[in-house]
């Protein structure tokens, strides 16, 4: 016989009486009033404050100095407390949006992390997600122009659309179109909220400068990699101790300023063989500079991470972020997000290919530089 232990009744906090301020708010308003009352009472009621002697003036100045210092310290504590609360809320929102990825997805070892340029802020414009679907493992990496709450709203719109479309849409092109529609709809809604008096005249093109770079990857069960890239850096492929770009195909424009072309053909990037890794990142990684203005070399950091023996994605992340913080003296100027996928599947008879960085298809644009 199964016995269920009775639970103690839940005690809900009693609602505050109408018109009654919460204790914390009442205290924050009451203390300045008390300090002001002390100063006024001293000035009007204390005989010493009415005298014009040097000693009386010194005492009066000391009293008002103490009152002013107390008010300043109280206001500072209140502002710090409010800032901490806002950071907690921002951190909770960011953790919901950029939720931790599972360590394994359909035979792929996965690790991802984000580094904020402002250590006091938890809100950034970088986004990433990886999901296992019946079409393969689908991955998105993106970078929203700007920071703060507007960027967070765009991140929420793009990620929310991807998490649904990745399962619903059979083609990677249709996933990208869903992201584009979600981004455009978010900008229209934001324009209506920010400029309600403007009416519907300019809603179709609300903010011309707003855009988001997006990289979509699809890794099939046989390791075949297909990609659609809208203005985002191509990922690096790591095979053994060799590091090179996955492909050198020209990307599409970022989402936002221009409509997507009528024909969206995913780029075929060859196969991700067992023990090979893909490193996706935002441009903050390669745009980071040191005190002398030298750019951070992500390929060099990745090559150093795998020089002696194969490493896990988690170890690779730690190595990259440690090198980047050392390069920037702990003060990066832009947010950085890195996502590593390692193929731990055992696929017999997988087709061989050339060294990483060689063209999987004929290069259609200028060769990107990795050492600046």
Protein backbone atom coordinates (compact mmCIF):
# COMPACT_ATOMS: atom_id res chain seq x y z
CA UNK A 1 0.00 0.00 0.00
CA UNK A 2 1.44 3.37 -1.02
CA UNK A 3 1.10 6.11 1.54
CA UNK A 4 1.35 9.70 0.46
CA UNK A 5 2.74 12.01 3.07
CA UNK A 6 0.40 14.96 3.54
CA UNK A 7 1.91 18.29 2.64
CA UNK A 8 1.74 21.28 4.88
CA UNK A 9 -0.70 23.89 3.63
CA UNK A 10 0.93 26.51 1.48
CA UNK A 11 1.01 29.91 3.10
CA UNK A 12 0.56 32.61 0.57
CA UNK A 13 1.61 36.13 1.50
CA UNK A 14 -1.33 38.24 2.53
CA UNK A 15 -2.10 41.05 0.11
CA UNK A 16 -1.18 44.49 1.25
CA UNK A 17 -3.97 46.72 2.42
CA UNK A 18 -5.25 49.20 -0.16
CA UNK A 19 -3.15 52.33 -0.17
CA UNK A 20 -0.47 50.79 2.01
CA UNK A 21 3.09 50.93 0.67
CA UNK A 22 5.38 47.89 0.87
CA UNK A 23 7.80 48.04 3.85
CA UNK A 24 10.89 48.42 1.65
CA UNK A 25 9.39 51.28 -0.32
CA UNK A 26 8.10 52.99 2.83
CA UNK A 27 11.56 52.73 4.38
CA UNK A 28 13.24 54.16 1.29
CA UNK A 29 10.88 57.15 1.37
CA UNK A 30 10.86 57.55 5.15
CA UNK A 31 14.60 57.79 5.80
CA UNK A 32 15.18 60.86 3.60
CA UNK A 33 12.17 62.49 5.25
CA UNK A 34 13.63 61.82 8.69
CA UNK A 35 17.03 63.23 7.67
CA UNK A 36 15.38 66.36 6.26
CA UNK A 37 13.26 66.78 9.38
CA UNK A 38 16.38 66.57 11.53
CA UNK A 39 18.07 69.32 9.52
CA UNK A 40 15.02 71.62 9.56
CA UNK A 41 14.42 71.04 13.28
CA UNK A 42 18.02 71.83 14.11
CA UNK A 43 17.98 75.01 12.02
CA UNK A 44 14.69 76.33 13.41
CA UNK A 45 14.61 74.95 16.93
CA UNK A 46 18.17 74.75 18.19
CA UNK A 47 19.48 78.01 19.78
CA UNK A 48 23.01 77.20 18.67
CA UNK A 49 21.90 77.36 15.02
CA UNK A 50 20.69 80.97 15.53
CA UNK A 51 24.09 82.23 16.67
CA UNK A 52 26.59 83.82 14.30
CA UNK A 53 29.78 82.92 16.12
CA UNK A 54 32.51 80.87 14.49
CA UNK A 55 31.93 77.88 16.76
CA UNK A 56 28.18 77.88 16.09
CA UNK A 57 28.75 78.05 12.34
CA UNK A 58 31.20 75.15 12.49
CA UNK A 59 28.69 73.02 14.41
CA UNK A 60 25.87 73.96 12.02
CA UNK A 61 28.03 73.10 9.00
CA UNK A 62 28.97 69.75 10.55
CA UNK A 63 25.29 68.93 11.17
CA UNK A 64 24.26 69.73 7.61
CA UNK A 65 27.30 67.91 6.26
CA UNK A 66 26.31 64.79 8.21
CA UNK A 67 22.71 65.08 6.98
CA UNK A 68 23.83 65.50 3.37
CA UNK A 69 26.26 62.58 3.62
CA UNK A 70 23.53 60.38 5.08
CA UNK A 71 21.16 61.28 2.23
CA UNK A 72 23.81 60.60 -0.42
CA UNK A 73 24.70 57.22 1.10
CA UNK A 74 21.03 56.27 1.36
CA UNK A 75 20.35 57.19 -2.27
CA UNK A 76 23.46 55.31 -3.36
CA UNK A 77 22.38 52.16 -1.49
CA UNK A 78 18.91 52.39 -3.01
CA UNK A 79 20.33 52.74 -6.53
CA UNK A 80 22.76 49.84 -6.03
CA UNK A 81 19.93 47.66 -4.70
CA UNK A 82 17.73 48.52 -7.69
CA UNK A 83 20.60 47.88 -10.13
CA UNK A 84 21.24 44.47 -8.59
CA UNK A 85 17.57 43.61 -8.94
CA UNK A 86 17.57 44.67 -12.59
CA UNK A 87 20.65 42.55 -13.23
CA UNK A 88 18.95 39.55 -11.65
CA UNK A 89 15.93 40.03 -13.89
CA UNK A 90 18.15 40.47 -16.95
CA UNK A 91 20.16 37.40 -16.05
CA UNK A 92 17.00 35.34 -15.62
CA UNK A 93 15.68 36.52 -19.00
CA UNK A 94 19.00 35.78 -20.70
CA UNK A 95 19.19 32.30 -19.16
CA UNK A 96 15.70 31.51 -20.43
CA UNK A 97 16.57 32.66 -23.95
CA UNK A 98 20.08 31.20 -24.15
CA UNK A 99 19.27 28.08 -22.23
CA UNK A 100 22.10 25.58 -21.64
CA UNK A 101 22.52 23.21 -24.54
CA UNK A 102 22.45 19.46 -23.93
CA UNK A 103 25.95 17.93 -23.85
CA UNK A 104 25.04 15.46 -26.60
CA UNK A 105 22.71 15.74 -29.58
CA UNK A 106 22.22 12.70 -31.81
CA UNK A 107 25.82 11.60 -31.48
CA UNK A 108 27.31 15.11 -31.49
CA UNK A 109 29.18 16.46 -28.48
CA UNK A 110 28.02 20.06 -27.91
CA UNK A 111 29.31 22.97 -25.84
CA UNK A 112 28.50 26.68 -25.98
CA UNK A 113 29.22 29.78 -23.92
CA UNK A 114 28.85 33.54 -24.10
CA UNK A 115 31.16 36.26 -22.81
CA UNK A 116 29.63 39.69 -22.24
CA UNK A 117 31.67 42.79 -23.02
CA UNK A 118 30.19 44.47 -19.93
CA UNK A 119 30.70 42.27 -16.91
CA UNK A 120 27.91 44.12 -15.12
CA UNK A 121 25.38 43.37 -17.85
CA UNK A 122 23.80 40.05 -18.64
CA UNK A 123 21.92 41.19 -21.74
CA UNK A 124 23.63 40.80 -25.07
CA UNK A 125 22.76 40.49 -28.73
CA UNK A 126 24.33 37.08 -29.42
CA UNK A 127 22.11 34.05 -29.94
CA UNK A 128 22.63 30.33 -30.50
CA UNK A 129 20.64 27.11 -30.34
CA UNK A 130 21.02 23.48 -31.41
CA UNK A 131 18.20 20.96 -31.67
CA UNK A 132 17.96 17.36 -32.84
CA UNK A 133 15.19 16.91 -35.41
CA UNK A 134 14.08 14.23 -37.84
CA UNK A 135 15.91 16.20 -40.53
CA UNK A 136 19.20 16.14 -38.61
CA UNK A 137 20.82 18.33 -35.99
CA UNK A 138 19.97 21.93 -36.79
CA UNK A 139 22.00 24.80 -35.39
CA UNK A 140 21.57 28.56 -35.44
CA UNK A 141 24.17 31.17 -34.51
CA UNK A 142 23.38 34.87 -34.79
CA UNK A 143 24.35 38.36 -33.76
CA UNK A 144 21.83 41.17 -33.30
CA UNK A 145 22.96 44.71 -33.96
CA UNK A 146 23.03 46.55 -30.65
CA UNK A 147 22.67 45.63 -26.99
CA UNK A 148 20.19 45.96 -24.16
CA UNK A 149 16.45 45.33 -24.14
CA UNK A 150 15.84 46.03 -27.87
CA UNK A 151 18.48 43.43 -28.78
CA UNK A 152 17.01 41.01 -26.26
CA UNK A 153 13.59 41.33 -27.90
CA UNK A 154 15.09 40.50 -31.30
CA UNK A 155 16.94 37.53 -29.82
CA UNK A 156 13.69 36.25 -28.35
CA UNK A 157 11.84 36.60 -31.67
CA UNK A 158 14.53 34.84 -33.73
CA UNK A 159 15.19 32.03 -31.25
CA UNK A 160 11.49 31.40 -30.65
CA UNK A 161 10.89 31.11 -34.38
CA UNK A 162 13.88 28.80 -34.88
CA UNK A 163 12.86 26.42 -32.09
CA UNK A 164 9.54 25.82 -33.83
CA UNK A 165 10.61 25.97 -37.46
CA UNK A 166 13.57 23.62 -36.97
CA UNK A 167 11.12 20.80 -36.21
CA UNK A 168 8.29 21.84 -38.52
CA UNK A 169 10.04 22.74 -41.77
CA UNK A 170 11.62 20.01 -43.94
CA UNK A 171 13.96 22.41 -45.76
CA UNK A 172 16.60 24.71 -44.34
CA UNK A 173 15.46 27.45 -46.72
CA UNK A 174 11.99 27.44 -45.20
CA UNK A 175 13.48 27.66 -41.71
CA UNK A 176 15.36 30.79 -42.76
CA UNK A 177 12.21 32.34 -44.22
CA UNK A 178 10.42 31.73 -40.94
CA UNK A 179 13.20 33.53 -39.09
CA UNK A 180 13.02 36.43 -41.54
CA UNK A 181 9.26 36.79 -41.08
CA UNK A 182 9.57 36.62 -37.29
CA UNK A 183 12.27 39.30 -37.32
CA UNK A 184 10.23 41.60 -39.57
CA UNK A 185 7.11 41.10 -37.46
CA UNK A 186 9.06 41.91 -34.29
CA UNK A 187 10.37 45.16 -35.80
CA UNK A 188 6.86 46.21 -36.88
CA UNK A 189 5.45 45.55 -33.41
CA UNK A 190 8.33 47.45 -31.81
CA UNK A 191 7.78 50.39 -34.15
CA UNK A 192 4.11 50.54 -33.19
CA UNK A 193 4.98 50.42 -29.48
CA UNK A 194 7.72 53.05 -29.68
CA UNK A 195 5.91 55.46 -32.04
CA UNK A 196 2.15 54.99 -31.55
CA UNK A 197 1.39 58.50 -32.88
CA UNK A 198 3.02 57.77 -36.24
CA UNK A 199 0.18 55.50 -37.26
CA UNK A 200 0.63 52.72 -39.79
CA UNK A 201 2.37 54.80 -42.44
CA UNK A 202 5.93 53.71 -41.72
CA UNK A 203 5.24 50.36 -40.12
CA UNK A 204 6.31 48.34 -43.13
CA UNK A 205 9.89 49.65 -42.80
CA UNK A 206 10.12 50.45 -39.09
CA UNK A 207 13.86 50.58 -38.43
CA UNK A 208 16.13 50.46 -41.44
CA UNK A 209 19.29 50.10 -39.36
CA UNK A 210 18.11 47.07 -37.41
CA UNK A 211 19.50 43.76 -38.65
CA UNK A 212 20.66 40.38 -37.41
CA UNK A 213 23.28 38.07 -38.89
CA UNK A 214 22.23 34.42 -38.93
CA UNK A 215 24.05 31.17 -39.71
CA UNK A 216 21.95 28.02 -40.12
CA UNK A 217 23.56 24.58 -40.19
CA UNK A 218 22.03 21.16 -40.74
CA UNK A 219 24.11 18.06 -39.94
CA UNK A 220 22.55 14.87 -41.24
CA UNK A 221 23.05 11.40 -39.80
CA UNK A 222 25.72 10.61 -42.38
CA UNK A 223 27.60 13.80 -41.44
CA UNK A 224 26.52 15.78 -44.51
CA UNK A 225 26.58 19.50 -43.66
CA UNK A 226 24.30 22.03 -45.33
CA UNK A 227 24.30 25.73 -44.48
CA UNK A 228 22.56 29.04 -45.11
CA UNK A 229 24.48 32.13 -44.10
CA UNK A 230 23.08 35.67 -43.79
CA UNK A 231 26.05 37.93 -43.12
CA UNK A 232 27.60 35.78 -40.39
CA UNK A 233 31.21 34.50 -40.17
CA UNK A 234 31.64 30.97 -41.50
CA UNK A 235 32.55 28.39 -38.84
CA UNK A 236 35.95 26.75 -38.54
CA UNK A 237 36.42 23.04 -39.19
CA UNK A 238 38.92 21.20 -37.00
CA UNK A 239 40.26 17.89 -38.31
CA UNK A 240 43.07 16.45 -36.23
CA UNK A 241 45.40 19.38 -35.65
CA UNK A 242 44.35 21.29 -38.77
CA UNK A 243 42.06 24.33 -38.62
CA UNK A 244 40.35 25.87 -41.63
CA UNK A 245 37.13 27.50 -42.77
CA UNK A 246 34.21 25.20 -43.44
CA UNK A 247 33.59 26.94 -46.79
CA UNK A 248 34.40 30.19 -48.55
CA UNK A 249 31.05 30.75 -50.24
CA UNK A 250 29.64 34.28 -50.31
CA UNK A 251 27.03 34.81 -47.58
CA UNK A 252 23.65 36.42 -48.12
CA UNK A 253 22.91 39.87 -46.64
CA UNK A 254 21.85 40.00 -42.97
CA UNK A 255 18.18 39.69 -42.10
CA UNK A 256 16.42 43.03 -42.00
CA UNK A 257 17.74 45.53 -44.56
CA UNK A 258 17.00 43.47 -47.70
CA UNK A 259 14.42 40.80 -48.58
CA UNK A 260 15.58 37.24 -49.03
CA UNK A 261 16.10 36.08 -52.63
CA UNK A 262 13.40 34.02 -54.29
CA UNK A 263 15.70 30.99 -54.58
CA UNK A 264 17.44 29.88 -51.40
CA UNK A 265 19.79 26.99 -52.10
CA UNK A 266 21.67 25.69 -49.05
CA UNK A 267 25.43 25.45 -49.43
CA UNK A 268 26.69 21.85 -49.38
CA UNK A 269 29.78 21.83 -47.17
CA UNK A 270 30.83 18.19 -47.37
CA UNK A 271 30.75 15.78 -44.44
CA UNK A 272 31.65 16.21 -40.80
CA UNK A 273 33.63 13.03 -40.22
CA UNK A 274 33.98 11.28 -36.85
CA UNK A 275 36.32 13.12 -34.43
CA UNK A 276 36.01 16.35 -36.44
CA UNK A 277 34.63 19.54 -34.91
CA UNK A 278 32.88 22.69 -36.04
CA UNK A 279 33.43 25.97 -34.19
CA UNK A 280 30.70 28.59 -34.64
CA UNK A 281 31.29 32.08 -33.24
CA UNK A 282 30.16 35.69 -33.37
CA UNK A 283 32.36 38.41 -34.82
CA UNK A 284 33.27 39.69 -31.37
CA UNK A 285 35.82 36.87 -31.20
CA UNK A 286 37.89 37.97 -34.19
CA UNK A 287 37.27 41.70 -33.68
CA UNK A 288 38.78 41.69 -30.18
CA UNK A 289 41.98 43.76 -29.96
CA UNK A 290 44.82 44.05 -27.52
CA UNK A 291 46.36 47.27 -26.19
CA UNK A 292 48.41 47.69 -29.39
CA UNK A 293 45.38 47.28 -31.66
CA UNK A 294 46.19 43.75 -32.85
CA UNK A 295 43.21 41.52 -33.60
CA UNK A 296 42.68 38.25 -31.78
CA UNK A 297 43.51 35.23 -33.96
CA UNK A 298 40.83 32.64 -33.35
CA UNK A 299 42.42 30.04 -35.69
CA UNK A 300 45.68 30.31 -33.75
CA UNK A 301 43.88 29.77 -30.45
CA UNK A 302 42.02 26.77 -31.85
CA UNK A 303 45.22 25.28 -33.29
CA UNK A 304 46.91 25.68 -29.91
CA UNK A 305 43.98 23.93 -28.23
CA UNK A 306 44.27 20.80 -30.41
CA UNK A 307 48.02 20.80 -31.07
CA UNK A 308 49.00 17.91 -28.83
CA UNK A 309 45.92 15.74 -28.52
CA UNK A 310 42.18 15.80 -29.33
CA UNK A 311 40.18 17.78 -26.81
CA UNK A 312 36.53 17.96 -25.91
CA UNK A 313 34.34 20.92 -26.93
CA UNK A 314 34.26 22.01 -23.29
CA UNK A 315 38.05 22.14 -23.09
CA UNK A 316 38.18 23.97 -26.40
CA UNK A 317 35.79 26.63 -25.08
CA UNK A 318 37.88 27.18 -21.96
CA UNK A 319 41.05 27.49 -24.03
CA UNK A 320 39.52 30.00 -26.45
CA UNK A 321 38.01 32.23 -23.78
CA UNK A 322 41.18 32.12 -21.67
CA UNK A 323 43.26 33.17 -24.68
CA UNK A 324 40.79 35.90 -25.63
CA UNK A 325 40.71 37.38 -22.12
CA UNK A 326 44.49 37.30 -21.97
CA UNK A 327 44.68 39.03 -25.36
CA UNK A 328 42.26 41.82 -24.33
CA UNK A 329 43.59 42.11 -20.74
CA UNK A 330 40.20 40.99 -19.47
CA UNK A 331 38.24 43.78 -21.19
CA UNK A 332 36.70 42.68 -24.51
CA UNK A 333 34.87 45.45 -26.34
CA UNK A 334 32.12 43.28 -27.81
CA UNK A 335 30.05 40.28 -26.75
CA UNK A 336 31.46 36.91 -27.80
CA UNK A 337 29.58 33.65 -28.26
CA UNK A 338 31.21 30.37 -29.26
CA UNK A 339 29.53 27.02 -30.01
CA UNK A 340 31.51 23.82 -30.63
CA UNK A 341 30.12 20.64 -32.23
CA UNK A 342 32.21 17.47 -32.32
CA UNK A 343 31.15 14.40 -34.26
CA UNK A 344 31.43 11.44 -31.89
CA UNK A 345 29.48 9.12 -34.16
CA UNK A 346 31.06 5.99 -35.58
CA UNK A 347 30.18 6.13 -39.25
CA UNK A 348 31.86 3.31 -41.19
CA UNK A 349 32.78 3.92 -44.77
CA UNK A 350 32.48 7.69 -44.56
CA UNK A 351 33.77 9.40 -47.65
CA UNK A 352 37.12 11.08 -47.34
CA UNK A 353 37.80 14.66 -48.29
CA UNK A 354 40.59 17.18 -48.49
CA UNK A 355 42.17 19.10 -45.69
CA UNK A 356 40.06 21.62 -43.80
CA UNK A 357 39.99 25.02 -45.34
CA UNK A 358 40.13 23.68 -48.89
CA UNK A 359 37.13 24.44 -50.99
CA UNK A 360 34.23 22.03 -50.70
CA UNK A 361 32.93 23.89 -53.68
CA UNK A 362 34.45 26.44 -55.98
CA UNK A 363 35.06 29.66 -54.03
CA UNK A 364 32.68 32.35 -55.21
CA UNK A 365 34.14 35.32 -53.36
CA UNK A 366 37.32 36.78 -51.93
CA UNK A 367 39.23 34.64 -49.50
CA UNK A 368 38.63 35.78 -45.91
CA UNK A 369 41.70 36.64 -43.91
CA UNK A 370 42.24 34.95 -40.58
CA UNK A 371 45.45 36.68 -39.48
CA UNK A 372 45.20 40.44 -39.24
